[in-house]
Structure formats: structure tokens, C-alpha cells
Amino acid sequence: MNKFAILVPVALVTACKDNSQASVPARSPEPAASAVAIAPPVPASDAKARSVKVENDLYSFSFEYPAKAAEIPALKARLDGELDQAQREIAAMAREGRDDAKASGYDYNRYDRSISWAVVTDLPGWLSLSSQFYEFTGGAHGNHGSGALVWDKAAGRARDPLDLFVSKAAFDAALSEVYCTALNKERAERRGEPVGTNGEAMFEDCLKPSGVTVLLGSADKRHFTRIGLVADPYAAGPYAEGSYELTLPVTPALIKAVRPEFRAAFAPGR
């Protein structure tokens, strides 16, 4: 469920972002720059973070995004549209769930959906955002997950972080070994025992970095120097283990996997 939009855990956002501070379009072959006129950013003093909270007998709903996103008119419009759609969806799902409960003679438990966007880093040409969501629509527990997008300021459009790379295969080739090592170390710490290396047991296999949420972060406030990788519940471990959140430095090998037109936005990290 990496997928709609989503509140990345504070620890990882902090690790991935600079010190000052859901649905994502499919990869496109078009260049970074666009001939389409781009609305100028809203002055920072006028931009306001948005936070909406609704509670009633049917459902509870919250959605928020930061002022940095509100400074960019097209991005603000995108997030406002997601907010409206998300609320309409949970309201419709809740009405159906309530009616089903009534017809079946059991108690209805109020549905819940929360979505929050946060700044990972704000660079001269890019705004990197993370998101986290939580949703309860009946059952033993709710579900939560993560997502990300980067706003290309020159092109005036959102991009999936992976779209900045030549391919998922190239991205995986540059990161898989170090990611697998770090992931298994964290698994072992949480479980209190070594993790098998053959990947035959459940939740012991190595995940592809391209298969989890990818966050682009920065330490120097000028380039992407950090890669955050968030494996949502059930991806790297059972629900009880929660999300697995790791931050890796950008390496020269990873920069080689970046599409040529975007390489200037990356620099090796530590």
C-alpha cells in the first residue's frame, strides 16, 4: 500500500532530510525542462500548510501537507485534489460498511483514514516529499504505509523518485548488496536472532530496493546525497515488526545509474 499517499516515520524523514528543515505519475521519457508555462511560486510568507480533520459517526479523516508544498501552485492543486478524493473515498466506503453491518446484525466500527505529507529536503531545483497513511476499514487492525514524490521545479511536475534513474534494474544493482546487509542486520536486532541467508523462510528474503518506498534526501542542501528506503509492514517482516526504515548514502555507483539529465542533482554522501 505504498501507494496513495502517506506520513513517513519521523526518524527516517529526519535521517534523509537536510538539516534546515501517493499516487505518483508513471515514468515519462520527456526531458526535465518543459516548454509549458509554470506558475510562479507563492511567496513563502503567504504560503500556508494545510491540515484538515473531520470526525463524525461514520468516519474520521485527516490530511495535511507542509507550507513548502503550498508555495508551488501546481503541487498545491495536486495535493488539494488528493485530499478531496481521499475524503470522498473513505466516506463512501464507510457508508457501505455501516450498511453492511446493519444488514448483518453486527456493530459498526467507525472507519478511519489519515494521510500526511512532509518535506524530506528542499533543494534549489527539487522539493522531495514523503508521505505516510493509516487506514482502518474493519478487521483486526488498520493498515499503514508510505509513499514519496519529488517535485521537479524546472519542469513544474511531480516525479516518482525512481524516474530519475535509468531503470529499476540499474537502481537495484547499485544498492541491493548494501541494502540487503543493512536490512538483515536490522531484522536480526528486532528478532533477537540471526536471519537466514538462503531466503527460504518467510520474511528472510532480500528485498529489491526498487520495490520499497524510495526517498531522496540531502545533507548538503544542494544535492541528493541520501537514499531513504521504507519497507512497509508485511514487506520485510510481519505486521508486528512495523516498517523497516533505512538510510543509505548516495555512492558513485548509484550516480552512474541516474539518468544523465538528472545527474547534476546528485552528489556522493557519507
C-alpha atoms as a PDB file:
ATOM      1  CA  MET A   1       0.000   0.000   0.000  1.00  0.00           C
ATOM      2  CA  ASN A   2       2.732   2.328  -0.958  1.00  0.00           C
ATOM      3  CA  LYS A   3       0.674   3.993  -2.993  1.00  0.00           C
ATOM      4  CA  PHE A   4      -1.765   6.572  -2.241  1.00  0.00           C
ATOM      5  CA  ALA A   5      -0.077   8.959  -0.002  1.00  0.00           C
ATOM      6  CA  ILE A   6       1.475   8.683   3.265  1.00  0.00           C
ATOM      7  CA  LEU A   7       3.390  10.096   6.643  1.00  0.00           C
ATOM      8  CA  VAL A   8       6.838   8.642   6.629  1.00  0.00           C
ATOM      9  CA  PRO A   9       8.018   7.951  10.151  1.00  0.00           C
ATOM     10  CA  VAL A  10       9.750  10.927  11.730  1.00  0.00           C
ATOM     11  CA  ALA A  11      13.025   9.072  12.332  1.00  0.00           C
ATOM     12  CA  LEU A  12      13.552   8.323   8.671  1.00  0.00           C
ATOM     13  CA  VAL A  13      12.458  11.728   7.432  1.00  0.00           C
ATOM     14  CA  THR A  14      14.965  13.260   9.833  1.00  0.00           C
ATOM     15  CA  ALA A  15      17.711  10.951   8.627  1.00  0.00           C
ATOM     16  CA  CYS A  16      17.001  11.626   4.989  1.00  0.00           C
ATOM     17  CA  LYS A  17      16.241  15.350   5.010  1.00  0.00           C
ATOM     18  CA  ASP A  18      18.542  18.359   5.117  1.00  0.00           C
ATOM     19  CA  ASN A  19      19.314  19.952   8.453  1.00  0.00           C
ATOM     20  CA  SER A  20      17.219  23.089   7.842  1.00  0.00           C
ATOM     21  CA  GLN A  21      14.477  21.942   7.626  1.00  0.00           C
ATOM     22  CA  ALA A  22       0.915   8.694  -3.103  1.00  0.00           C
ATOM     23  CA  SER A  23      -0.193   8.344  -6.400  1.00  0.00           C
ATOM     24  CA  VAL A  24       2.908   9.285  -8.325  1.00  0.00           C
ATOM     25  CA  PRO A  25       2.995   9.679 -12.110  1.00  0.00           C
ATOM     26  CA  ALA A  26       4.450   6.940 -14.227  1.00  0.00           C
ATOM     27  CA  ARG A  27       7.904   7.367 -15.680  1.00  0.00           C
ATOM     28  CA  SER A  28       7.974   9.607 -18.705  1.00  0.00           C
ATOM     29  CA  PRO A  29      10.674   9.975 -21.337  1.00  0.00           C
ATOM     30  CA  GLU A  30      10.195  13.702 -21.630  1.00  0.00           C
ATOM     31  CA  PRO A  31      13.119  15.976 -20.701  1.00  0.00           C
ATOM     32  CA  ALA A  32      13.495  17.636 -17.348  1.00  0.00           C
ATOM     33  CA  ALA A  33      12.657  21.058 -18.711  1.00  0.00           C
ATOM     34  CA  SER A  34       9.242  21.864 -20.130  1.00  0.00           C
ATOM     35  CA  ALA A  35       8.002  24.499 -22.530  1.00  0.00           C
ATOM     36  CA  VAL A  36       4.734  24.713 -20.602  1.00  0.00           C
ATOM     37  CA  ALA A  37       4.370  27.940 -18.660  1.00  0.00           C
ATOM     38  CA  ILE A  38       4.871  27.340 -14.952  1.00  0.00           C
ATOM     39  CA  ALA A  39       3.051  29.429 -12.386  1.00  0.00           C
ATOM     40  CA  PRO A  40       5.498  31.341 -10.157  1.00  0.00           C
ATOM     41  CA  PRO A  41       5.815  30.087  -6.596  1.00  0.00           C
ATOM     42  CA  VAL A  42       3.699  31.690  -3.927  1.00  0.00           C
ATOM     43  CA  PRO A  43       5.783  33.948  -1.651  1.00  0.00           C
ATOM     44  CA  ALA A  44       6.853  31.928   1.376  1.00  0.00           C
ATOM     45  CA  SER A  45       5.216  34.455   3.677  1.00  0.00           C
ATOM     46  CA  ASP A  46       1.843  33.792   2.017  1.00  0.00           C
ATOM     47  CA  ALA A  47       2.048  30.009   1.732  1.00  0.00           C
ATOM     48  CA  LYS A  48       0.276  28.109   4.469  1.00  0.00           C
ATOM     49  CA  ALA A  49       0.466  24.490   5.467  1.00  0.00           C
ATOM     50  CA  ARG A  50      -2.890  22.779   5.184  1.00  0.00           C
ATOM     51  CA  SER A  51      -4.379  20.468   7.760  1.00  0.00           C
ATOM     52  CA  VAL A  52      -7.923  19.096   7.522  1.00  0.00           C
ATOM     53  CA  LYS A  53      -9.571  16.972  10.206  1.00  0.00           C
ATOM     54  CA  VAL A  54     -13.087  15.527  10.087  1.00  0.00           C
ATOM     55  CA  GLU A  55     -14.782  13.348  12.684  1.00  0.00           C
ATOM     56  CA  ASN A  56     -18.332  12.038  12.653  1.00  0.00           C
ATOM     57  CA  ASP A  57     -20.191   8.825  13.432  1.00  0.00           C
ATOM     58  CA  LEU A  58     -19.255   7.337  10.063  1.00  0.00           C
ATOM     59  CA  TYR A  59     -15.557   8.039   9.798  1.00  0.00           C
ATOM     60  CA  SER A  60     -12.591  10.091  10.912  1.00  0.00           C
ATOM     61  CA  PHE A  61     -10.331  11.670   8.306  1.00  0.00           C
ATOM     62  CA  SER A  62      -7.223  13.824   8.310  1.00  0.00           C
ATOM     63  CA  PHE A  63      -4.952  15.134   5.591  1.00  0.00           C
ATOM     64  CA  GLU A  64      -2.048  17.524   5.829  1.00  0.00           C
ATOM     65  CA  TYR A  65       0.782  18.924   3.757  1.00  0.00           C
ATOM     66  CA  PRO A  66       3.529  21.456   4.540  1.00  0.00           C
ATOM     67  CA  ALA A  67       3.868  25.129   3.598  1.00  0.00           C
ATOM     68  CA  LYS A  68       6.771  24.282   1.269  1.00  0.00           C
ATOM     69  CA  ALA A  69       4.332  22.333  -0.900  1.00  0.00           C
ATOM     70  CA  ALA A  70       1.786  25.151  -0.731  1.00  0.00           C
ATOM     71  CA  GLU A  71       4.374  27.551  -2.191  1.00  0.00           C
ATOM     72  CA  ILE A  72       4.125  25.724  -5.542  1.00  0.00           C
ATOM     73  CA  PRO A  73       0.665  26.339  -7.094  1.00  0.00           C
ATOM     74  CA  ALA A  74       0.599  23.194  -9.235  1.00  0.00           C
ATOM     75  CA  LEU A  75       1.730  20.996  -6.362  1.00  0.00           C
ATOM     76  CA  LYS A  76      -0.783  22.585  -4.014  1.00  0.00           C
ATOM     77  CA  ALA A  77      -3.543  21.914  -6.544  1.00  0.00           C
ATOM     78  CA  ARG A  78      -2.424  18.304  -6.860  1.00  0.00           C
ATOM     79  CA  LEU A  79      -2.466  17.730  -3.106  1.00  0.00           C
ATOM     80  CA  ASP A  80      -5.782  19.527  -2.679  1.00  0.00           C
ATOM     81  CA  GLY A  81      -7.218  17.206  -5.320  1.00  0.00           C
ATOM     82  CA  GLU A  82      -5.856  14.168  -3.489  1.00  0.00           C
ATOM     83  CA  LEU A  83      -7.372  15.451  -0.260  1.00  0.00           C
ATOM     84  CA  ASP A  84     -10.828  15.779  -1.807  1.00  0.00           C
ATOM     85  CA  GLN A  85     -10.640  12.367  -3.461  1.00  0.00           C
ATOM     86  CA  ALA A  86      -9.383  10.644  -0.313  1.00  0.00           C
ATOM     87  CA  GLN A  87     -12.197  12.058   1.783  1.00  0.00           C
ATOM     88  CA  ARG A  88     -14.855  11.128  -0.774  1.00  0.00           C
ATOM     89  CA  GLU A  89     -13.491   7.586  -0.905  1.00  0.00           C
ATOM     90  CA  ILE A  90     -13.452   6.972   2.842  1.00  0.00           C
ATOM     91  CA  ALA A  91     -16.936   8.485   3.207  1.00  0.00           C
ATOM     92  CA  ALA A  92     -18.314   6.145   0.519  1.00  0.00           C
ATOM     93  CA  MET A  93     -16.518   3.129   1.987  1.00  0.00           C
ATOM     94  CA  ALA A  94     -17.803   3.982   5.470  1.00  0.00           C
ATOM     95  CA  ARG A  95     -21.413   4.280   4.315  1.00  0.00           C
ATOM     96  CA  GLU A  96     -21.168   0.890   2.630  1.00  0.00           C
ATOM     97  CA  GLY A  97     -19.516  -0.648   5.699  1.00  0.00           C
ATOM     98  CA  ARG A  98     -22.180   0.762   8.023  1.00  0.00           C
ATOM     99  CA  ASP A  99     -24.988  -0.527   5.807  1.00  0.00           C
ATOM    100  CA  ASP A 100     -23.394  -3.975   5.590  1.00  0.00           C
ATOM    101  CA  ALA A 101     -23.005  -4.085   9.372  1.00  0.00           C
ATOM    102  CA  LYS A 102     -26.631  -3.136   9.896  1.00  0.00           C
ATOM    103  CA  ALA A 103     -27.854  -5.708   7.400  1.00  0.00           C
ATOM    104  CA  SER A 104     -25.712  -8.404   9.014  1.00  0.00           C
ATOM    105  CA  GLY A 105     -26.717  -7.511  12.567  1.00  0.00           C
ATOM    106  CA  TYR A 106     -23.331  -6.562  13.984  1.00  0.00           C
ATOM    107  CA  ASP A 107     -21.854  -3.358  15.378  1.00  0.00           C
ATOM    108  CA  TYR A 108     -20.243  -0.900  13.010  1.00  0.00           C
ATOM    109  CA  ASN A 109     -16.761   0.338  13.952  1.00  0.00           C
ATOM    110  CA  ARG A 110     -16.020   3.774  12.580  1.00  0.00           C
ATOM    111  CA  TYR A 111     -13.649   3.851   9.628  1.00  0.00           C
ATOM    112  CA  ASP A 112     -10.509   5.949   9.701  1.00  0.00           C
ATOM    113  CA  ARG A 113      -8.094   7.368   7.136  1.00  0.00           C
ATOM    114  CA  SER A 114      -5.182   9.740   7.745  1.00  0.00           C
ATOM    115  CA  ILE A 115      -2.667  10.995   5.198  1.00  0.00           C
ATOM    116  CA  SER A 116       0.254  13.306   5.863  1.00  0.00           C
ATOM    117  CA  TRP A 117       2.918  14.750   3.581  1.00  0.00           C
ATOM    118  CA  ALA A 118       6.248  16.014   4.955  1.00  0.00           C
ATOM    119  CA  VAL A 119       9.336  17.652   3.494  1.00  0.00           C
ATOM    120  CA  VAL A 120      12.368  15.400   3.145  1.00  0.00           C
ATOM    121  CA  THR A 121      14.523  18.095   1.567  1.00  0.00           C
ATOM    122  CA  ASP A 122      14.104  21.331  -0.378  1.00  0.00           C
ATOM    123  CA  LEU A 123      16.857  21.816  -2.979  1.00  0.00           C
ATOM    124  CA  PRO A 124      17.262  24.644  -5.498  1.00  0.00           C
ATOM    125  CA  GLY A 125      15.685  22.552  -8.277  1.00  0.00           C
ATOM    126  CA  TRP A 126      13.734  19.969  -6.335  1.00  0.00           C
ATOM    127  CA  LEU A 127      11.305  19.501  -3.467  1.00  0.00           C
ATOM    128  CA  SER A 128      11.394  15.963  -2.064  1.00  0.00           C
ATOM    129  CA  LEU A 129       8.345  14.850  -0.100  1.00  0.00           C
ATOM    130  CA  SER A 130       7.481  11.775   1.915  1.00  0.00           C
ATOM    131  CA  SER A 131       4.041  10.625   2.924  1.00  0.00           C
ATOM    132  CA  GLN A 132       2.509   8.213   5.363  1.00  0.00           C
ATOM    133  CA  PHE A 133      -1.021   6.906   5.601  1.00  0.00           C
ATOM    134  CA  TYR A 134      -3.114   4.964   8.056  1.00  0.00           C
ATOM    135  CA  GLU A 135      -6.454   3.367   7.259  1.00  0.00           C
ATOM    136  CA  PHE A 136      -8.933   1.283   9.195  1.00  0.00           C
ATOM    137  CA  THR A 137     -11.895  -0.234   7.384  1.00  0.00           C
ATOM    138  CA  GLY A 138     -12.746  -3.071   9.746  1.00  0.00           C
ATOM    139  CA  GLY A 139     -10.804  -6.139  10.733  1.00  0.00           C
ATOM    140  CA  ALA A 140      -8.301  -6.855  13.482  1.00  0.00           C
ATOM    141  CA  HIS A 141      -6.229  -3.732  12.886  1.00  0.00           C
ATOM    142  CA  GLY A 142      -5.667  -0.886  10.499  1.00  0.00           C
ATOM    143  CA  ASN A 143      -3.015  -0.691   7.820  1.00  0.00           C
ATOM    144  CA  HIS A 144      -0.323   1.895   7.309  1.00  0.00           C
ATOM    145  CA  GLY A 145       2.287   2.575   4.681  1.00  0.00           C
ATOM    146  CA  SER A 146       4.476   5.121   2.971  1.00  0.00           C
ATOM    147  CA  GLY A 147       4.991   6.934  -0.285  1.00  0.00           C
ATOM    148  CA  ALA A 148       7.082   9.663  -1.876  1.00  0.00           C
ATOM    149  CA  LEU A 149       7.381  12.089  -4.737  1.00  0.00           C
ATOM    150  CA  VAL A 150       9.869  14.687  -5.894  1.00  0.00           C
ATOM    151  CA  TRP A 151       8.712  17.942  -7.445  1.00  0.00           C
ATOM    152  CA  ASP A 152      10.807  18.949 -10.432  1.00  0.00           C
ATOM    153  CA  LYS A 153      10.816  22.743 -10.159  1.00  0.00           C
ATOM    154  CA  ALA A 154      12.245  23.283 -13.643  1.00  0.00           C
ATOM    155  CA  ALA A 155       9.672  21.080 -15.350  1.00  0.00           C
ATOM    156  CA  GLY A 156       6.846  22.023 -12.997  1.00  0.00           C
ATOM    157  CA  ARG A 157       5.772  18.423 -12.402  1.00  0.00           C
ATOM    158  CA  ALA A 158       5.859  15.596  -9.904  1.00  0.00           C
ATOM    159  CA  ARG A 159       8.123  12.625 -10.481  1.00  0.00           C
ATOM    160  CA  ASP A 160       8.420   9.253  -8.844  1.00  0.00           C
ATOM    161  CA  PRO A 161      11.914   9.173  -7.288  1.00  0.00           C
ATOM    162  CA  LEU A 162      12.738   6.075  -9.359  1.00  0.00           C
ATOM    163  CA  ASP A 163      12.027   8.000 -12.561  1.00  0.00           C
ATOM    164  CA  LEU A 164      15.294   9.860 -12.007  1.00  0.00           C
ATOM    165  CA  PHE A 165      17.186   6.623 -12.625  1.00  0.00           C
ATOM    166  CA  VAL A 166      17.983   4.819 -15.861  1.00  0.00           C
ATOM    167  CA  SER A 167      15.942   1.812 -14.763  1.00  0.00           C
ATOM    168  CA  LYS A 168      14.797  -0.078 -11.693  1.00  0.00           C
ATOM    169  CA  ALA A 169      17.324  -2.765 -12.553  1.00  0.00           C
ATOM    170  CA  ALA A 170      20.168  -0.242 -12.546  1.00  0.00           C
ATOM    171  CA  PHE A 171      18.959   1.211  -9.254  1.00  0.00           C
ATOM    172  CA  ASP A 172      18.786  -2.253  -7.696  1.00  0.00           C
ATOM    173  CA  ALA A 173      22.210  -3.253  -8.997  1.00  0.00           C
ATOM    174  CA  ALA A 174      23.789  -0.232  -7.293  1.00  0.00           C
ATOM    175  CA  LEU A 175      22.064  -0.713  -3.924  1.00  0.00           C
ATOM    176  CA  SER A 176      20.941  -4.318  -3.451  1.00  0.00           C
ATOM    177  CA  GLU A 177      24.012  -5.703  -1.703  1.00  0.00           C
ATOM    178  CA  VAL A 178      24.380  -2.936   0.855  1.00  0.00           C
ATOM    179  CA  TYR A 179      20.615  -2.735   1.367  1.00  0.00           C
ATOM    180  CA  CYS A 180      20.272  -6.464   1.964  1.00  0.00           C
ATOM    181  CA  THR A 181      23.099  -6.384   4.517  1.00  0.00           C
ATOM    182  CA  ALA A 182      21.590  -3.429   6.381  1.00  0.00           C
ATOM    183  CA  LEU A 183      18.080  -4.895   6.262  1.00  0.00           C
ATOM    184  CA  ASN A 184      19.154  -8.259   7.680  1.00  0.00           C
ATOM    185  CA  LYS A 185      21.128  -6.538  10.427  1.00  0.00           C
ATOM    186  CA  GLU A 186      18.007  -4.614  11.459  1.00  0.00           C
ATOM    187  CA  ARG A 187      15.861  -7.746  11.235  1.00  0.00           C
ATOM    188  CA  ALA A 188      18.287  -9.613  13.495  1.00  0.00           C
ATOM    189  CA  GLU A 189      18.252  -6.803  16.059  1.00  0.00           C
ATOM    190  CA  ARG A 190      14.461  -6.761  16.192  1.00  0.00           C
ATOM    191  CA  ARG A 191      14.104 -10.536  16.320  1.00  0.00           C
ATOM    192  CA  GLY A 192      16.973 -11.219  18.675  1.00  0.00           C
ATOM    193  CA  GLU A 193      18.490 -13.879  16.442  1.00  0.00           C
ATOM    194  CA  PRO A 194      20.422 -14.130  13.171  1.00  0.00           C
ATOM    195  CA  VAL A 195      18.463 -14.017   9.921  1.00  0.00           C
ATOM    196  CA  GLY A 196      18.844 -16.916   7.496  1.00  0.00           C
ATOM    197  CA  THR A 197      20.815 -16.184   4.361  1.00  0.00           C
ATOM    198  CA  ASN A 198      19.084 -18.583   1.963  1.00  0.00           C
ATOM    199  CA  GLY A 199      15.867 -16.576   1.886  1.00  0.00           C
ATOM    200  CA  GLU A 200      13.727 -19.712   2.190  1.00  0.00           C
ATOM    201  CA  ALA A 201      11.924 -18.725   5.404  1.00  0.00           C
ATOM    202  CA  MET A 202       9.178 -16.122   5.387  1.00  0.00           C
ATOM    203  CA  PHE A 203      10.431 -12.557   5.850  1.00  0.00           C
ATOM    204  CA  GLU A 204      14.072 -13.507   5.386  1.00  0.00           C
ATOM    205  CA  ASP A 205      14.426 -12.831   1.672  1.00  0.00           C
ATOM    206  CA  CYS A 206      16.308  -9.784   0.410  1.00  0.00           C
ATOM    207  CA  LEU A 207      14.004  -7.124  -0.978  1.00  0.00           C
ATOM    208  CA  LYS A 208      14.688  -5.188  -4.137  1.00  0.00           C
ATOM    209  CA  PRO A 209      15.366  -1.535  -3.240  1.00  0.00           C
ATOM    210  CA  SER A 210      13.096  -0.502  -6.110  1.00  0.00           C
ATOM    211  CA  GLY A 211      10.276  -2.478  -4.528  1.00  0.00           C
ATOM    212  CA  VAL A 212      10.019  -0.328  -1.387  1.00  0.00           C
ATOM    213  CA  THR A 213       9.352   3.373  -0.908  1.00  0.00           C
ATOM    214  CA  VAL A 214      12.345   5.430  -2.090  1.00  0.00           C
ATOM    215  CA  LEU A 215      13.045   8.830  -0.521  1.00  0.00           C
ATOM    216  CA  LEU A 216      15.594  11.263  -1.902  1.00  0.00           C
ATOM    217  CA  GLY A 217      17.304  13.216   0.867  1.00  0.00           C
ATOM    218  CA  SER A 218      20.176  15.636   1.281  1.00  0.00           C
ATOM    219  CA  ALA A 219      22.888  16.559   3.731  1.00  0.00           C
ATOM    220  CA  ASP A 220      24.399  19.494   1.825  1.00  0.00           C
ATOM    221  CA  LYS A 221      21.135  21.264   0.883  1.00  0.00           C
ATOM    222  CA  ARG A 222      22.279  21.405  -2.754  1.00  0.00           C
ATOM    223  CA  HIS A 223      22.237  17.781  -3.975  1.00  0.00           C
ATOM    224  CA  PHE A 224      20.576  14.476  -3.253  1.00  0.00           C
ATOM    225  CA  THR A 225      23.148  12.697  -1.081  1.00  0.00           C
ATOM    226  CA  ARG A 226      20.959  10.216   0.797  1.00  0.00           C
ATOM    227  CA  ILE A 227      18.539   7.474  -0.184  1.00  0.00           C
ATOM    228  CA  GLY A 228      15.827   6.513   2.277  1.00  0.00           C
ATOM    229  CA  LEU A 229      14.256   3.069   1.862  1.00  0.00           C
ATOM    230  CA  VAL A 230      10.997   2.284   3.663  1.00  0.00           C
ATOM    231  CA  ALA A 231       9.666  -1.276   3.683  1.00  0.00           C
ATOM    232  CA  ASP A 232       6.065  -1.140   4.892  1.00  0.00           C
ATOM    233  CA  PRO A 233       4.534  -3.773   7.204  1.00  0.00           C
ATOM    234  CA  TYR A 234       4.388  -7.240   5.650  1.00  0.00           C
ATOM    235  CA  ALA A 235       7.139  -6.363   3.153  1.00  0.00           C
ATOM    236  CA  ALA A 236      10.245  -7.092   5.235  1.00  0.00           C
ATOM    237  CA  GLY A 237       8.608  -8.555   8.315  1.00  0.00           C
ATOM    238  CA  PRO A 238       5.267  -9.375   9.934  1.00  0.00           C
ATOM    239  CA  TYR A 239       2.862  -6.599  10.880  1.00  0.00           C
ATOM    240  CA  ALA A 240       4.046  -6.623  14.491  1.00  0.00           C
ATOM    241  CA  GLU A 241       7.553  -5.598  13.400  1.00  0.00           C
ATOM    242  CA  GLY A 242       6.239  -2.441  11.749  1.00  0.00           C
ATOM    243  CA  SER A 243       8.081  -0.630   8.973  1.00  0.00           C
ATOM    244  CA  TYR A 244      11.757  -1.090   8.217  1.00  0.00           C
ATOM    245  CA  GLU A 245      13.341   2.301   7.578  1.00  0.00           C
ATOM    246  CA  LEU A 246      16.927   2.551   6.379  1.00  0.00           C
ATOM    247  CA  THR A 247      19.000   5.442   5.038  1.00  0.00           C
ATOM    248  CA  LEU A 248      21.948   4.825   2.704  1.00  0.00           C
ATOM    249  CA  PRO A 249      24.453   7.315   1.249  1.00  0.00           C
ATOM    250  CA  VAL A 250      24.458   8.105  -2.448  1.00  0.00           C
ATOM    251  CA  THR A 251      27.519   6.428  -3.976  1.00  0.00           C
ATOM    252  CA  PRO A 252      29.384   6.956  -7.259  1.00  0.00           C
ATOM    253  CA  ALA A 253      27.921   3.632  -8.426  1.00  0.00           C
ATOM    254  CA  LEU A 254      24.411   4.898  -7.757  1.00  0.00           C
ATOM    255  CA  ILE A 255      25.109   8.177  -9.561  1.00  0.00           C
ATOM    256  CA  LYS A 256      26.025   6.143 -12.645  1.00  0.00           C
ATOM    257  CA  ALA A 257      22.507   4.707 -12.509  1.00  0.00           C
ATOM    258  CA  VAL A 258      20.945   8.184 -12.587  1.00  0.00           C
ATOM    259  CA  ARG A 259      19.564   9.382 -15.897  1.00  0.00           C
ATOM    260  CA  PRO A 260      22.123  11.738 -17.485  1.00  0.00           C
ATOM    261  CA  GLU A 261      19.826  14.766 -17.414  1.00  0.00           C
ATOM    262  CA  PHE A 262      19.434  14.454 -13.643  1.00  0.00           C
ATOM    263  CA  ARG A 263      22.964  13.565 -12.537  1.00  0.00           C
ATOM    264  CA  ALA A 264      23.867  17.144 -11.602  1.00  0.00           C
ATOM    265  CA  ALA A 265      21.248  16.907  -8.844  1.00  0.00           C
ATOM    266  CA  PHE A 266      23.169  14.097  -7.095  1.00  0.00           C
ATOM    267  CA  ALA A 267      26.427  14.009  -5.148  1.00  0.00           C
ATOM    268  CA  PRO A 268      28.146  11.281  -3.110  1.00  0.00           C
ATOM    269  CA  GLY A 269      27.087  11.155   0.519  1.00  0.00           C
ATOM    270  CA  ARG A 270      28.723   9.747   3.612  1.00  0.00           C
END
